[in-house]
Amino acid sequence: MAVVAADCDLAAREHLALADLVGRPIAVNTVAGTTTLDLWPAAARPAETIEVTNTDDWLTVIAAGRGELVAGDRTEG
């Protein structure tokens, strides 16, 4: 699952792949999240990570358009 801000250029798309998020900042919950840069191939990873420690901050980063969110295990790329 990917979550982006409502005004993000990706928001209107019905499906997103991990590759669609390459070059964009990714919000990472370092306490309870499962998302790591290891989901992406080493040569094609997000531009940066924004570390948060709780779900509220995680969602705030997304809503503010500062980063995207990926949740869950890699099932396709």
PDB file of N, CA and C in Angstrom:
ATOM      1  N   MET A   1       0.842  -1.157   0.000  1.00  0.00           N
ATOM      2  CA  MET A   1       0.000   0.000   0.000  1.00  0.00           C
ATOM      3  C   MET A   1       0.894   1.229   0.000  1.00  0.00           C
ATOM      4  N   ALA A   2       0.515   2.209  -0.771  1.00  0.00           N
ATOM      5  CA  ALA A   2       1.218   3.487  -0.780  1.00  0.00           C
ATOM      6  C   ALA A   2       0.219   4.593  -0.464  1.00  0.00           C
ATOM      7  N   VAL A   3       0.662   5.587   0.271  1.00  0.00           N
ATOM      8  CA  VAL A   3      -0.177   6.727   0.605  1.00  0.00           C
ATOM      9  C   VAL A   3       0.582   7.979   0.210  1.00  0.00           C
ATOM     10  N   VAL A   4      -0.112   8.878  -0.486  1.00  0.00           N
ATOM     11  CA  VAL A   4       0.483  10.143  -0.900  1.00  0.00           C
ATOM     12  C   VAL A   4      -0.478  11.265  -0.539  1.00  0.00           C
ATOM     13  N   ALA A   5       0.015  12.485  -0.496  1.00  0.00           N
ATOM     14  CA  ALA A   5      -0.843  13.632  -0.215  1.00  0.00           C
ATOM     15  C   ALA A   5      -1.872  13.791  -1.330  1.00  0.00           C
ATOM     16  N   ALA A   6      -3.017  14.355  -0.984  1.00  0.00           N
ATOM     17  CA  ALA A   6      -4.109  14.519  -1.949  1.00  0.00           C
ATOM     18  C   ALA A   6      -3.691  15.338  -3.166  1.00  0.00           C
ATOM     19  N   ASP A   7      -2.779  16.278  -2.983  1.00  0.00           N
ATOM     20  CA  ASP A   7      -2.363  17.118  -4.109  1.00  0.00           C
ATOM     21  C   ASP A   7      -1.093  16.620  -4.807  1.00  0.00           C
ATOM     22  N   CYS A   8      -0.629  15.447  -4.449  1.00  0.00           N
ATOM     23  CA  CYS A   8       0.536  14.835  -5.098  1.00  0.00           C
ATOM     24  C   CYS A   8       0.165  14.410  -6.516  1.00  0.00           C
ATOM     25  N   ASP A   9       1.107  14.504  -7.433  1.00  0.00           N
ATOM     26  CA  ASP A   9       0.836  14.107  -8.814  1.00  0.00           C
ATOM     27  C   ASP A   9       0.507  12.622  -8.952  1.00  0.00           C
ATOM     28  N   LEU A  10       0.840  11.818  -7.968  1.00  0.00           N
ATOM     29  CA  LEU A  10       0.528  10.386  -8.007  1.00  0.00           C
ATOM     30  C   LEU A  10      -0.844  10.054  -7.423  1.00  0.00           C
ATOM     31  N   ALA A  11      -1.489  11.006  -6.772  1.00  0.00           N
ATOM     32  CA  ALA A  11      -2.723  10.744  -6.034  1.00  0.00           C
ATOM     33  C   ALA A  11      -3.865  10.238  -6.915  1.00  0.00           C
ATOM     34  N   ALA A  12      -3.931  10.651  -8.140  1.00  0.00           N
ATOM     35  CA  ALA A  12      -5.041  10.256  -9.018  1.00  0.00           C
ATOM     36  C   ALA A  12      -4.865   8.864  -9.615  1.00  0.00           C
ATOM     37  N   ARG A  13      -3.695   8.299  -9.457  1.00  0.00           N
ATOM     38  CA  ARG A  13      -3.437   6.975 -10.044  1.00  0.00           C
ATOM     39  C   ARG A  13      -4.094   5.877  -9.221  1.00  0.00           C
ATOM     40  N   GLU A  14      -4.663   4.919  -9.910  1.00  0.00           N
ATOM     41  CA  GLU A  14      -5.333   3.807  -9.242  1.00  0.00           C
ATOM     42  C   GLU A  14      -4.338   2.826  -8.635  1.00  0.00           C
ATOM     43  N   HIS A  15      -3.195   2.642  -9.285  1.00  0.00           N
ATOM     44  CA  HIS A  15      -2.173   1.700  -8.817  1.00  0.00           C
ATOM     45  C   HIS A  15      -0.814   2.381  -8.822  1.00  0.00           C
ATOM     46  N   LEU A  16      -0.019   2.057  -7.816  1.00  0.00           N
ATOM     47  CA  LEU A  16       1.364   2.530  -7.740  1.00  0.00           C
ATOM     48  C   LEU A  16       2.273   1.344  -7.497  1.00  0.00           C
ATOM     49  N   ALA A  17       3.451   1.409  -8.057  1.00  0.00           N
ATOM     50  CA  ALA A  17       4.488   0.408  -7.802  1.00  0.00           C
ATOM     51  C   ALA A  17       5.601   1.091  -7.008  1.00  0.00           C
ATOM     52  N   LEU A  18       6.430   0.307  -6.372  1.00  0.00           N
ATOM     53  CA  LEU A  18       7.558   0.877  -5.638  1.00  0.00           C
ATOM     54  C   LEU A  18       8.407   1.762  -6.545  1.00  0.00           C
ATOM     55  N   ALA A  19       8.533   1.377  -7.791  1.00  0.00           N
ATOM     56  CA  ALA A  19       9.334   2.155  -8.739  1.00  0.00           C
ATOM     57  C   ALA A  19       8.785   3.567  -8.932  1.00  0.00           C
ATOM     58  N   ASP A  20       7.488   3.768  -8.739  1.00  0.00           N
ATOM     59  CA  ASP A  20       6.889   5.099  -8.881  1.00  0.00           C
ATOM     60  C   ASP A  20       7.360   6.057  -7.792  1.00  0.00           C
ATOM     61  N   LEU A  21       7.889   5.522  -6.711  1.00  0.00           N
ATOM     62  CA  LEU A  21       8.307   6.353  -5.577  1.00  0.00           C
ATOM     63  C   LEU A  21       9.803   6.632  -5.548  1.00  0.00           C
ATOM     64  N   VAL A  22      10.528   6.078  -6.496  1.00  0.00           N
ATOM     65  CA  VAL A  22      11.969   6.314  -6.573  1.00  0.00           C
ATOM     66  C   VAL A  22      12.196   7.805  -6.812  1.00  0.00           C
ATOM     67  N   GLY A  23      13.143   8.355  -6.103  1.00  0.00           N
ATOM     68  CA  GLY A  23      13.450   9.773  -6.253  1.00  0.00           C
ATOM     69  C   GLY A  23      12.605  10.674  -5.376  1.00  0.00           C
ATOM     70  N   ARG A  24      11.693  10.093  -4.598  1.00  0.00           N
ATOM     71  CA  ARG A  24      10.832  10.874  -3.712  1.00  0.00           C
ATOM     72  C   ARG A  24      11.187  10.546  -2.263  1.00  0.00           C
ATOM     73  N   PRO A  25      10.962  11.473  -1.342  1.00  0.00           N
ATOM     74  CA  PRO A  25      11.191  11.167   0.072  1.00  0.00           C
ATOM     75  C   PRO A  25      10.120  10.207   0.590  1.00  0.00           C
ATOM     76  N   ILE A  26      10.526   9.286   1.442  1.00  0.00           N
ATOM     77  CA  ILE A  26       9.636   8.284   2.015  1.00  0.00           C
ATOM     78  C   ILE A  26       9.619   8.457   3.531  1.00  0.00           C
ATOM     79  N   ALA A  27       8.413   8.515   4.112  1.00  0.00           N
ATOM     80  CA  ALA A  27       8.272   8.582   5.565  1.00  0.00           C
ATOM     81  C   ALA A  27       8.455   7.175   6.132  1.00  0.00           C
ATOM     82  N   VAL A  28       9.314   7.057   7.126  1.00  0.00           N
ATOM     83  CA  VAL A  28       9.623   5.759   7.724  1.00  0.00           C
ATOM     84  C   VAL A  28       9.394   5.833   9.231  1.00  0.00           C
ATOM     85  N   ASN A  29       8.487   4.993   9.720  1.00  0.00           N
ATOM     86  CA  ASN A  29       8.249   4.897  11.152  1.00  0.00           C
ATOM     87  C   ASN A  29       9.313   3.951  11.716  1.00  0.00           C
ATOM     88  N   THR A  30      10.281   4.502  12.423  1.00  0.00           N
ATOM     89  CA  THR A  30      11.421   3.713  12.905  1.00  0.00           C
ATOM     90  C   THR A  30      11.091   2.878  14.139  1.00  0.00           C
ATOM     91  N   VAL A  31       9.935   3.108  14.750  1.00  0.00           N
ATOM     92  CA  VAL A  31       9.563   2.364  15.944  1.00  0.00           C
ATOM     93  C   VAL A  31       8.670   1.171  15.600  1.00  0.00           C
ATOM     94  N   ALA A  32       7.649   1.406  14.797  1.00  0.00           N
ATOM     95  CA  ALA A  32       6.673   0.346  14.550  1.00  0.00           C
ATOM     96  C   ALA A  32       6.441   0.064  13.068  1.00  0.00           C
ATOM     97  N   GLY A  33       7.212   0.662  12.197  1.00  0.00           N
ATOM     98  CA  GLY A  33       6.988   0.479  10.766  1.00  0.00           C
ATOM     99  C   GLY A  33       7.722  -0.716  10.190  1.00  0.00           C
ATOM    100  N   THR A  34       7.288  -1.125   9.005  1.00  0.00           N
ATOM    101  CA  THR A  34       7.929  -2.235   8.303  1.00  0.00           C
ATOM    102  C   THR A  34       8.659  -1.774   7.044  1.00  0.00           C
ATOM    103  N   THR A  35       8.546  -0.502   6.721  1.00  0.00           N
ATOM    104  CA  THR A  35       9.167   0.008   5.508  1.00  0.00           C
ATOM    105  C   THR A  35      10.644   0.305   5.738  1.00  0.00           C
ATOM    106  N   THR A  36      11.486  -0.219   4.862  1.00  0.00           N
ATOM    107  CA  THR A  36      12.906   0.108   4.856  1.00  0.00           C
ATOM    108  C   THR A  36      13.326   0.297   3.407  1.00  0.00           C
ATOM    109  N   LEU A  37      14.470   0.875   3.205  1.00  0.00           N
ATOM    110  CA  LEU A  37      14.970   1.053   1.843  1.00  0.00           C
ATOM    111  C   LEU A  37      15.290  -0.276   1.175  1.00  0.00           C
ATOM    112  N   ASP A  38      15.368  -1.339   1.957  1.00  0.00           N
ATOM    113  CA  ASP A  38      15.631  -2.664   1.390  1.00  0.00           C
ATOM    114  C   ASP A  38      14.491  -3.156   0.494  1.00  0.00           C
ATOM    115  N   LEU A  39      13.342  -2.516   0.538  1.00  0.00           N
ATOM    116  CA  LEU A  39      12.238  -2.878  -0.367  1.00  0.00           C
ATOM    117  C   LEU A  39      12.596  -2.581  -1.820  1.00  0.00           C
ATOM    118  N   TRP A  40      13.483  -1.619  -2.038  1.00  0.00           N
ATOM    119  CA  TRP A  40      13.880  -1.209  -3.373  1.00  0.00           C
ATOM    120  C   TRP A  40      15.251  -1.776  -3.731  1.00  0.00           C
ATOM    121  N   PRO A  41      15.512  -1.990  -5.017  1.00  0.00           N
ATOM    122  CA  PRO A  41      16.864  -2.384  -5.429  1.00  0.00           C
ATOM    123  C   PRO A  41      17.849  -1.266  -5.055  1.00  0.00           C
ATOM    124  N   ALA A  42      19.064  -1.621  -4.741  1.00  0.00           N
ATOM    125  CA  ALA A  42      20.067  -0.641  -4.299  1.00  0.00           C
ATOM    126  C   ALA A  42      20.260   0.504  -5.297  1.00  0.00           C
ATOM    127  N   ALA A  43      20.145   0.218  -6.563  1.00  0.00           N
ATOM    128  CA  ALA A  43      20.371   1.245  -7.588  1.00  0.00           C
ATOM    129  C   ALA A  43      19.154   2.126  -7.841  1.00  0.00           C
ATOM    130  N   ALA A  44      18.018   1.813  -7.230  1.00  0.00           N
ATOM    131  CA  ALA A  44      16.794   2.570  -7.499  1.00  0.00           C
ATOM    132  C   ALA A  44      15.985   2.726  -6.212  1.00  0.00           C
ATOM    133  N   ARG A  45      16.472   3.582  -5.341  1.00  0.00           N
ATOM    134  CA  ARG A  45      15.821   3.786  -4.046  1.00  0.00           C
ATOM    135  C   ARG A  45      15.253   5.192  -3.947  1.00  0.00           C
ATOM    136  N   PRO A  46      14.362   5.412  -2.982  1.00  0.00           N
ATOM    137  CA  PRO A  46      13.845   6.763  -2.768  1.00  0.00           C
ATOM    138  C   PRO A  46      14.975   7.755  -2.490  1.00  0.00           C
ATOM    139  N   ALA A  47      14.700   9.010  -2.764  1.00  0.00           N
ATOM    140  CA  ALA A  47      15.701  10.060  -2.626  1.00  0.00           C
ATOM    141  C   ALA A  47      16.181  10.224  -1.186  1.00  0.00           C
ATOM    142  N   GLU A  48      15.272  10.067  -0.245  1.00  0.00           N
ATOM    143  CA  GLU A  48      15.617  10.240   1.166  1.00  0.00           C
ATOM    144  C   GLU A  48      14.525   9.610   2.019  1.00  0.00           C
ATOM    145  N   THR A  49      14.822   9.458   3.293  1.00  0.00           N
ATOM    146  CA  THR A  49      13.805   9.015   4.234  1.00  0.00           C
ATOM    147  C   THR A  49      13.584  10.114   5.259  1.00  0.00           C
ATOM    148  N   ILE A  50      12.358  10.193   5.716  1.00  0.00           N
ATOM    149  CA  ILE A  50      12.007  11.100   6.801  1.00  0.00           C
ATOM    150  C   ILE A  50      11.600  10.204   7.958  1.00  0.00           C
ATOM    151  N   GLU A  51      12.414  10.197   9.005  1.00  0.00           N
ATOM    152  CA  GLU A  51      12.160   9.294  10.123  1.00  0.00           C
ATOM    153  C   GLU A  51      11.168   9.904  11.100  1.00  0.00           C
ATOM    154  N   VAL A  52      10.163   9.115  11.459  1.00  0.00           N
ATOM    155  CA  VAL A  52       9.185   9.488  12.477  1.00  0.00           C
ATOM    156  C   VAL A  52       9.091   8.334  13.461  1.00  0.00           C
ATOM    157  N   THR A  53       8.491   8.604  14.622  1.00  0.00           N
ATOM    158  CA  THR A  53       8.439   7.562  15.647  1.00  0.00           C
ATOM    159  C   THR A  53       7.026   7.151  16.031  1.00  0.00           C
ATOM    160  N   ASN A  54       6.024   7.706  15.351  1.00  0.00           N
ATOM    161  CA  ASN A  54       4.651   7.293  15.646  1.00  0.00           C
ATOM    162  C   ASN A  54       3.768   7.519  14.425  1.00  0.00           C
ATOM    163  N   THR A  55       2.610   6.924  14.452  1.00  0.00           N
ATOM    164  CA  THR A  55       1.703   6.961  13.302  1.00  0.00           C
ATOM    165  C   THR A  55       1.187   8.366  13.025  1.00  0.00           C
ATOM    166  N   ASP A  56       0.908   9.142  14.062  1.00  0.00           N
ATOM    167  CA  ASP A  56       0.408  10.500  13.844  1.00  0.00           C
ATOM    168  C   ASP A  56       1.422  11.342  13.067  1.00  0.00           C
ATOM    169  N   ASP A  57       2.685  11.286  13.465  1.00  0.00           N
ATOM    170  CA  ASP A  57       3.717  12.043  12.758  1.00  0.00           C
ATOM    171  C   ASP A  57       3.906  11.515  11.341  1.00  0.00           C
ATOM    172  N   TRP A  58       3.788  10.212  11.182  1.00  0.00           N
ATOM    173  CA  TRP A  58       3.916   9.557   9.887  1.00  0.00           C
ATOM    174  C   TRP A  58       2.880  10.125   8.923  1.00  0.00           C
ATOM    175  N   LEU A  59       1.630  10.167   9.379  1.00  0.00           N
ATOM    176  CA  LEU A  59       0.552  10.677   8.537  1.00  0.00           C
ATOM    177  C   LEU A  59       0.657  12.190   8.314  1.00  0.00           C
ATOM    178  N   THR A  60       1.162  12.917   9.307  1.00  0.00           N
ATOM    179  CA  THR A  60       1.341  14.354   9.164  1.00  0.00           C
ATOM    180  C   THR A  60       2.349  14.669   8.059  1.00  0.00           C
ATOM    181  N   VAL A  61       3.426  13.905   8.000  1.00  0.00           N
ATOM    182  CA  VAL A  61       4.422  14.088   6.936  1.00  0.00           C
ATOM    183  C   VAL A  61       3.779  13.895   5.566  1.00  0.00           C
ATOM    184  N   ILE A  62       2.922  12.889   5.451  1.00  0.00           N
ATOM    185  CA  ILE A  62       2.250  12.608   4.184  1.00  0.00           C
ATOM    186  C   ILE A  62       1.282  13.727   3.842  1.00  0.00           C
ATOM    187  N   ALA A  63       0.422  14.090   4.788  1.00  0.00           N
ATOM    188  CA  ALA A  63      -0.595  15.114   4.540  1.00  0.00           C
ATOM    189  C   ALA A  63       0.027  16.459   4.171  1.00  0.00           C
ATOM    190  N   ALA A  64       1.184  16.749   4.736  1.00  0.00           N
ATOM    191  CA  ALA A  64       1.861  18.007   4.441  1.00  0.00           C
ATOM    192  C   ALA A  64       2.606  17.975   3.113  1.00  0.00           C
ATOM    193  N   GLY A  65       2.626  16.818   2.469  1.00  0.00           N
ATOM    194  CA  GLY A  65       3.310  16.705   1.184  1.00  0.00           C
ATOM    195  C   GLY A  65       4.814  16.641   1.297  1.00  0.00           C
ATOM    196  N   ARG A  66       5.333  16.310   2.483  1.00  0.00           N
ATOM    197  CA  ARG A  66       6.785  16.234   2.685  1.00  0.00           C
ATOM    198  C   ARG A  66       7.368  14.895   2.281  1.00  0.00           C
ATOM    199  N   GLY A  67       6.515  13.870   2.158  1.00  0.00           N
ATOM    200  CA  GLY A  67       7.007  12.558   1.800  1.00  0.00           C
ATOM    201  C   GLY A  67       5.859  11.618   1.497  1.00  0.00           C
ATOM    202  N   GLU A  68       6.183  10.470   0.959  1.00  0.00           N
ATOM    203  CA  GLU A  68       5.212   9.442   0.661  1.00  0.00           C
ATOM    204  C   GLU A  68       5.336   8.333   1.695  1.00  0.00           C
ATOM    205  N   LEU A  69       4.384   7.424   1.675  1.00  0.00           N
ATOM    206  CA  LEU A  69       4.361   6.356   2.642  1.00  0.00           C
ATOM    207  C   LEU A  69       4.183   5.029   1.918  1.00  0.00           C
ATOM    208  N   VAL A  70       4.911   4.041   2.366  1.00  0.00           N
ATOM    209  CA  VAL A  70       4.747   2.672   1.857  1.00  0.00           C
ATOM    210  C   VAL A  70       4.548   1.799   3.083  1.00  0.00           C
ATOM    211  N   ALA A  71       3.520   0.956   3.033  1.00  0.00           N
ATOM    212  CA  ALA A  71       3.256   0.072   4.166  1.00  0.00           C
ATOM    213  C   ALA A  71       3.107  -1.350   3.683  1.00  0.00           C
ATOM    214  N   GLY A  72       3.565  -2.287   4.481  1.00  0.00           N
ATOM    215  CA  GLY A  72       3.405  -3.687   4.143  1.00  0.00           C
ATOM    216  C   GLY A  72       4.646  -4.261   3.492  1.00  0.00           C
ATOM    217  N   ASP A  73       4.567  -5.522   3.192  1.00  0.00           N
ATOM    218  CA  ASP A  73       5.686  -6.243   2.598  1.00  0.00           C
ATOM    219  C   ASP A  73       5.683  -6.072   1.098  1.00  0.00           C
ATOM    220  N   ARG A  74       6.833  -6.269   0.511  1.00  0.00           N
ATOM    221  CA  ARG A  74       6.965  -6.189  -0.948  1.00  0.00           C
ATOM    222  C   ARG A  74       6.288  -7.393  -1.580  1.00  0.00           C
ATOM    223  N   THR A  75       5.311  -7.109  -2.435  1.00  0.00           N
ATOM    224  CA  THR A  75       4.645  -8.181  -3.146  1.00  0.00           C
ATOM    225  C   THR A  75       4.876  -8.069  -4.648  1.00  0.00           C
ATOM    226  N   GLU A  76       5.181  -6.879  -5.102  1.00  0.00           N
ATOM    227  CA  GLU A  76       5.528  -6.682  -6.505  1.00  0.00           C
ATOM    228  C   GLU A  76       6.298  -5.383  -6.594  1.00  0.00           C
ATOM    229  N   GLY A  77       7.043  -5.208  -7.663  1.00  0.00           N
ATOM    230  CA  GLY A  77       7.867  -4.010  -7.793  1.00  0.00           C
ATOM    231  C   GLY A  77       7.495  -3.291  -8.977  1.00  0.00           C
TER     232      GLY A  77
END
